[in-house]
C-alpha atoms as a PDB file:
ATOM      1  CA  MET A   1       0.141  -0.089   0.150  1.00  0.00           C
ATOM      2  CA  LEU A   2       1.491   3.273  -1.138  1.00  0.00           C
ATOM      3  CA  ALA A   3       0.897   6.519   0.837  1.00  0.00           C
ATOM      4  CA  THR A   4       0.523   9.661  -1.296  1.00  0.00           C
ATOM      5  CA  PRO A   5      -0.939  12.733  -0.230  1.00  0.00           C
ATOM      6  CA  SER A   6      -4.373  13.886  -1.504  1.00  0.00           C
ATOM      7  CA  VAL A   7      -3.911  16.565  -3.827  1.00  0.00           C
ATOM      8  CA  ALA A   8      -6.876  18.639  -4.992  1.00  0.00           C
ATOM      9  CA  ALA A   9      -6.998  21.359  -7.530  1.00  0.00           C
ATOM     10  CA  PRO A  10      -6.464  24.675  -5.785  1.00  0.00           C
ATOM     11  CA  THR A  11      -9.700  26.631  -5.696  1.00  0.00           C
ATOM     12  CA  THR A  12     -10.371  30.444  -6.046  1.00  0.00           C
ATOM     13  CA  PRO A  13     -12.807  31.875  -3.711  1.00  0.00           C
ATOM     14  CA  VAL A  14     -15.965  33.377  -5.047  1.00  0.00           C
ATOM     15  CA  VAL A  15     -16.561  36.927  -4.169  1.00  0.00           C
ATOM     16  CA  THR A  16     -20.410  38.207  -4.665  1.00  0.00           C
ATOM     17  CA  VAL A  17     -20.982  41.650  -4.708  1.00  0.00           C
ATOM     18  CA  ALA A  18     -24.456  42.839  -4.304  1.00  0.00           C
ATOM     19  CA  THR A  19     -25.556  45.671  -6.661  1.00  0.00           C
ATOM     20  CA  THR A  20     -29.170  46.127  -5.674  1.00  0.00           C
ATOM     21  CA  GLY A  21     -28.660  49.867  -6.000  1.00  0.00           C
ATOM     22  CA  SER A  22     -30.742  52.668  -4.060  1.00  0.00           C
ATOM     23  CA  PRO A  23     -33.865  51.955  -1.878  1.00  0.00           C
ATOM     24  CA  TYR A  24     -35.254  54.950  -3.798  1.00  0.00           C
ATOM     25  CA  ASP A  25     -34.875  53.005  -7.546  1.00  0.00           C
ATOM     26  CA  GLU A  26     -38.182  50.980  -6.683  1.00  0.00           C
ATOM     27  CA  MET A  27     -40.188  53.834  -5.386  1.00  0.00           C
ATOM     28  CA  SER A  28     -42.955  55.368  -6.663  1.00  0.00           C
ATOM     29  CA  ALA A  29     -43.102  59.229  -7.170  1.00  0.00           C
ATOM     30  CA  ASP A  30     -45.564  59.427  -4.489  1.00  0.00           C
ATOM     31  CA  ASP A  31     -43.302  57.430  -2.279  1.00  0.00           C
ATOM     32  CA  LEU A  32     -40.466  59.630  -3.186  1.00  0.00           C
ATOM     33  CA  ARG A  33     -42.394  62.896  -2.477  1.00  0.00           C
ATOM     34  CA  VAL A  34     -43.372  61.284   1.172  1.00  0.00           C
ATOM     35  CA  ALA A  35     -39.734  60.762   1.647  1.00  0.00           C
ATOM     36  CA  MET A  36     -38.976  64.486   0.778  1.00  0.00           C
ATOM     37  CA  PHE A  37     -41.531  65.670   2.979  1.00  0.00           C
ATOM     38  CA  ARG A  38     -40.098  63.630   5.899  1.00  0.00           C
ATOM     39  CA  ILE A  39     -36.972  65.409   5.533  1.00  0.00           C
ATOM     40  CA  LEU A  40     -38.691  68.761   5.338  1.00  0.00           C
ATOM     41  CA  ALA A  41     -40.859  67.758   8.630  1.00  0.00           C
ATOM     42  CA  ASP A  42     -37.361  67.438  10.693  1.00  0.00           C
ATOM     43  CA  PRO A  43     -36.863  70.280  12.806  1.00  0.00           C
ATOM     44  CA  ASP A  44     -33.348  69.678  12.480  1.00  0.00           C
ATOM     45  CA  THR A  45     -33.051  70.143   8.729  1.00  0.00           C
ATOM     46  CA  SER A  46     -31.103  73.156   7.746  1.00  0.00           C
ATOM     47  CA  ALA A  47     -32.504  76.127   5.864  1.00  0.00           C
ATOM     48  CA  ALA A  48     -29.915  75.249   2.912  1.00  0.00           C
ATOM     49  CA  LEU A  49     -31.241  71.568   2.822  1.00  0.00           C
ATOM     50  CA  ARG A  50     -34.824  72.763   3.085  1.00  0.00           C
ATOM     51  CA  ALA A  51     -34.052  75.018  -0.068  1.00  0.00           C
ATOM     52  CA  ALA A  52     -32.503  72.267  -1.987  1.00  0.00           C
ATOM     53  CA  ALA A  53     -35.227  69.848  -0.860  1.00  0.00           C
ATOM     54  CA  GLY A  54     -37.818  72.311  -2.416  1.00  0.00           C
ATOM     55  CA  ALA A  55     -36.130  72.751  -5.690  1.00  0.00           C
ATOM     56  CA  ALA A  56     -36.296  69.346  -6.199  1.00  0.00           C
ATOM     57  CA  LEU A  57     -39.890  69.117  -5.415  1.00  0.00           C
ATOM     58  CA  ASP A  58     -40.284  72.205  -7.667  1.00  0.00           C
ATOM     59  CA  ASP A  59     -38.970  70.192 -10.684  1.00  0.00           C
ATOM     60  CA  ASN A  60     -41.631  67.722  -9.664  1.00  0.00           C
ATOM     61  CA  THR A  61     -39.852  64.743 -11.690  1.00  0.00           C
ATOM     62  CA  PRO A  62     -39.020  61.324  -9.833  1.00  0.00           C
ATOM     63  CA  GLU A  63     -35.654  61.784 -11.206  1.00  0.00           C
ATOM     64  CA  ALA A  64     -35.188  64.920  -9.587  1.00  0.00           C
ATOM     65  CA  LEU A  65     -36.609  63.376  -6.312  1.00  0.00           C
ATOM     66  CA  ARG A  66     -34.407  60.521  -6.483  1.00  0.00           C
ATOM     67  CA  HIS A  67     -31.376  62.494  -7.098  1.00  0.00           C
ATOM     68  CA  PHE A  68     -31.759  64.672  -4.091  1.00  0.00           C
ATOM     69  CA  LEU A  69     -32.703  61.660  -2.065  1.00  0.00           C
ATOM     70  CA  GLU A  70     -29.543  59.618  -3.059  1.00  0.00           C
ATOM     71  CA  VAL A  71     -26.887  62.387  -3.691  1.00  0.00           C
ATOM     72  CA  GLY A  72     -28.341  65.768  -3.021  1.00  0.00           C
ATOM     73  CA  GLN A  73     -29.256  65.775   0.565  1.00  0.00           C
ATOM     74  CA  TYR A  74     -25.797  64.523   1.523  1.00  0.00           C
ATOM     75  CA  GLU A  75     -23.873  67.057  -0.574  1.00  0.00           C
ATOM     76  CA  VAL A  76     -25.963  69.839   1.228  1.00  0.00           C
ATOM     77  CA  GLY A  77     -25.653  68.278   4.633  1.00  0.00           C
ATOM     78  CA  GLN A  78     -27.829  68.962   7.762  1.00  0.00           C
END
């Protein structure tokens, strides 16, 4: 009986990255407006953030609202 080491082919680990996008991607225009009004209702929301939110609401497109919620509110800050 010969003793030989068991050799298995090396395996490369598989890394899966979730690319689910933003939680705002699947929201309807009404849901996006609700999210905007929640920001406006917060007493700690700054005047600059209120102005930026108002501009997005004035544009009145889902794309403008989504952009504000995903990016704009963080650019302006609280």
